[in-house]
């Protein structure tokens, strides 16, 4: 829950790079994290700020994952 809270604060501030870094560093760049976020979103009232943030974050899921993979590829290329 702490990671989700941090990620949503970063999302609200538009800090996409820090989101991928946080998820990579914590080991939560996984489908289970996004399923958890979806479950939390489904429990919130439709007009709540938190639900809107969560839904926006979840809409960007594929982009976040692809950006993380691109960063990993660049790092791998650099180290080789």
Protein backbone atom coordinates (compact mmCIF):
# COMPACT_ATOMS: atom_id res chain seq x y z
CA UNK A 1 0.00 0.00 0.00
CA UNK A 2 2.88 2.38 0.74
CA UNK A 3 4.31 1.91 -2.75
CA UNK A 4 0.91 2.52 -4.31
CA UNK A 5 0.51 5.71 -2.28
CA UNK A 6 3.96 6.95 -3.33
CA UNK A 7 3.29 6.09 -6.98
CA UNK A 8 -0.01 7.99 -6.94
CA UNK A 9 1.66 11.06 -5.46
CA UNK A 10 4.24 10.89 -8.25
CA UNK A 11 1.48 10.36 -10.83
CA UNK A 12 -0.34 13.44 -9.58
CA UNK A 13 2.86 15.48 -10.01
CA UNK A 14 3.54 14.05 -13.48
CA UNK A 15 6.80 12.38 -12.45
CA UNK A 16 6.56 9.36 -14.75
CA UNK A 17 10.28 8.53 -14.63
CA UNK A 18 10.19 8.37 -10.84
CA UNK A 19 7.19 6.04 -11.00
CA UNK A 20 9.05 3.46 -13.07
CA UNK A 21 12.14 3.85 -10.88
CA UNK A 22 10.08 3.33 -7.72
CA UNK A 23 8.35 0.25 -9.11
CA UNK A 24 11.64 -1.22 -10.33
CA UNK A 25 13.51 -0.50 -7.09
CA UNK A 26 10.77 -1.97 -4.90
CA UNK A 27 10.25 -4.99 -7.13
CA UNK A 28 6.62 -4.07 -7.72
CA UNK A 29 6.72 -3.62 -11.48
CA UNK A 30 4.47 -6.67 -11.72
CA UNK A 31 0.98 -7.46 -12.85
CA UNK A 32 0.01 -8.23 -9.25
CA UNK A 33 0.72 -4.60 -8.27
CA UNK A 34 -1.58 -3.32 -11.00
CA UNK A 35 -4.27 -5.84 -10.03
CA UNK A 36 -4.03 -4.60 -6.44
CA UNK A 37 -4.36 -0.99 -7.64
CA UNK A 38 -7.42 -2.00 -9.68
CA UNK A 39 -9.01 -3.68 -6.66
CA UNK A 40 -8.47 -0.59 -4.53
CA UNK A 41 -9.95 1.59 -7.28
CA UNK A 42 -13.07 -0.58 -7.44
CA UNK A 43 -13.67 -0.02 -3.71
CA UNK A 44 -13.63 3.77 -3.94
CA UNK A 45 -16.55 6.08 -4.76
CA UNK A 46 -16.60 7.21 -8.40
CA UNK A 47 -16.24 10.88 -7.53
CA UNK A 48 -13.26 10.52 -5.17
CA UNK A 49 -9.93 12.12 -5.99
CA UNK A 50 -8.10 8.90 -5.14
CA UNK A 51 -10.19 6.86 -7.59
CA UNK A 52 -9.53 9.36 -10.35
CA UNK A 53 -5.79 9.22 -9.68
CA UNK A 54 -5.84 5.43 -9.57
CA UNK A 55 -7.83 5.16 -12.78
CA UNK A 56 -5.47 7.57 -14.55
CA UNK A 57 -2.48 5.62 -13.32
CA UNK A 58 -4.02 2.33 -14.43
CA UNK A 59 -4.78 3.77 -17.85
CA UNK A 60 -1.05 4.46 -18.22
CA UNK A 61 -0.05 0.95 -17.15
CA UNK A 62 1.20 -0.26 -20.54
CA UNK A 63 3.23 2.91 -21.07
CA UNK A 64 4.83 2.59 -17.63
CA UNK A 65 5.77 -1.03 -18.31
CA UNK A 66 7.17 -0.28 -21.77
CA UNK A 67 9.21 2.66 -20.43
CA UNK A 68 10.65 0.41 -17.72
CA UNK A 69 11.59 -2.22 -20.29
CA UNK A 70 13.23 0.44 -22.46
CA UNK A 71 15.29 1.66 -19.49
CA UNK A 72 16.35 -1.91 -18.74
CA UNK A 73 17.40 -2.42 -22.36
CA UNK A 74 19.47 0.78 -22.35
CA UNK A 75 21.17 -0.25 -19.12
CA UNK A 76 21.92 -3.71 -20.49
CA UNK A 77 23.38 -2.22 -23.69
CA UNK A 78 25.48 0.18 -21.64
CA UNK A 79 26.89 -2.59 -19.44
CA UNK A 80 27.81 -4.85 -22.35
